[in-house]
């Protein structure tokens, strides 16, 4: 009996343990099945994507950058083929030996070699590293011919920015360059090796529109990340083309007219505000910045006394000299302190306080009124006008005419100049305004500084009857050719509330400036009556003439070092019969406005009127790009010679 009970107890214990073990096994099996179900069914999409990501590599593709075109469709910035050579480290036995062999075909200097070796060390051995780009076709073909002897060397054809006119449009179009670390933003394009963004000019202002949208490529890779094949490709969206108001032919002519002189010129449509030429001489080659400027090239630009990197048309700030006299006279009339009949006698100088203010004509001009004082550029008349009017009223008229503030043009680096006032001097210098300083600003000297663009706007607002036309360099209308909107300024822009009779006196004075026998720019007048030009000369001192010099002998400009000579200026509008164009020209240290600046302005204005870009259509004879893109022709344009 006792044995049977013990057997029964053992049997119950075994059965209970077997039951517990079975239950545990069942639970574990259920958990395993549940986990498998979770991974295989519920999370299947997630793990499918992860697997695909390991197999497929998504790569961004750089879009084609939009072009920059002139008003007739001529390409000023485009894209061209970029022939480049790369090296794959794992495919060459010795990188140094391969680079040495390559250097016998193209230039590979020590700097390039060091850069290539640095990049090879940072990257995987199968990733190509660029050795040289922007190769000529001859160099590219030469390497291709020797490629069997260059293991690991790969040739590639891509695209890069191209500026076919180099110096001529450098300050307008600007240039592109590599993305700096502080320029990285949300756009993944900026992370692409070799990607370029606008650094200056229109390229910078309209960079996002020109840049376009990125494309992508799906590449199947192996476990080591090596590309196997391309599965899918989307090339992205090309950047927008930007059409400028500039006329390439006029710009080229104006730039060439400067020759070796340093200076700037701006030509503007007085009704629309379209800038037709904006020259800063000398320029620079923007292609240097695109491909990577070298040390010698940078030193050449930086050490040039003519400062080719500065856009003098919008960032050069110069005393306007006698080109300021129209608005001084208008301010005097507007204030009521002088009338059109007011006469001032010029003996060649004017005494004020303990100082003597000299006229440029030593013997004096005799009796002058507003118009004759402009015609002969009499300093004493405008000393008197400024003395009676005061700095604040003169500044008010100057600002109405576009001086002393940013014009809002779509370019980088514009400077605002200075139109002084009593409050300005107290705030900027902590000093009160002295009455004698009124006389100095009366002839556009002293604290007054302006840019050539501002002077062109001033001339345009005088010539269009006193309307606040703003300058612009990018077209608003679509298509190419003359402006679709031919309305006069009076129907487009707000009035400056200047009295018509006062403006007419200023314009009459400017007309007589280019007329013989007394006009200061009569020697630079346009002989063809239909193109006749009105203007105003200006010569601004860059150093004060001492009392000792006046008592002994004042040197002529030709006798001074270049940097001590006066700046030469001229502002103009044309044709006199129906004004359409205005311009401003400055020759740095050119000496006399009549002798240096006026002839340049005359030739530019004559060429402008013959071309008549605001009204005449023209075909686009621009260069054909390597990309094969042909500039569109203006609607209704005629073929050259047709």
Foldseek 3Di string as FASTA:
>chain_A
DVVVVVVVVVVVVVVVVVVVVVVVVVVVVVVVVVVCCCVVPVCVVVVVVVVVCLFKPKDKAFAAFAFEAEQFQFTQKHKFKKKFKWFQQVFDPDPVVLVVVLCVLPPQDPVLVVVNVVVCVVDDRRDIDTSAMNDDPVSSVVCVVCVVVRTRMDIDMDMFMDGPVFFLCCQAQPAKAQQDPVRDDDQCQNVDPLDIAGDFHPRHLCGVQRRFHIKMWMFGADNVRHGDGTDDTDHGGGHHYFYWPEDSVLSVVLQVLCPQFFWWKWKAWLFAQGTHYTDGPGAGGNVCRRRDPDPVRVCVQVVDPSNRVDRQQFQNKDQFFQLLQLLLLLLLVVVVVDHQPDKDAWQQWDDDDPDIGGWPDNRGDGIDGSQVCQQQVTLVVLLVSLLSRDQVSSLLSLVLLQAQQDLPESTPNGDRWHRDHQVRCCVPPVDGDDSSVSSQCSRRDDRGIGGQNSSQSSLSCLQLQAFNRGHYTTDPDPFHFADPDPDGNVVPGDGSPRDNVSSVSSQSSQLSLCPDDNRLQVVQFDPPLQWTKGKGKGWYFPDDDDPVCVVPHPDALVPDPQQRATKIKMKMFDDPVRTTMIMIIIGRSQHTNNPGVSNSVSVSSVVCVVPVRNPAAAFHPHDQHNVRDDGDGGVVHDYVPD
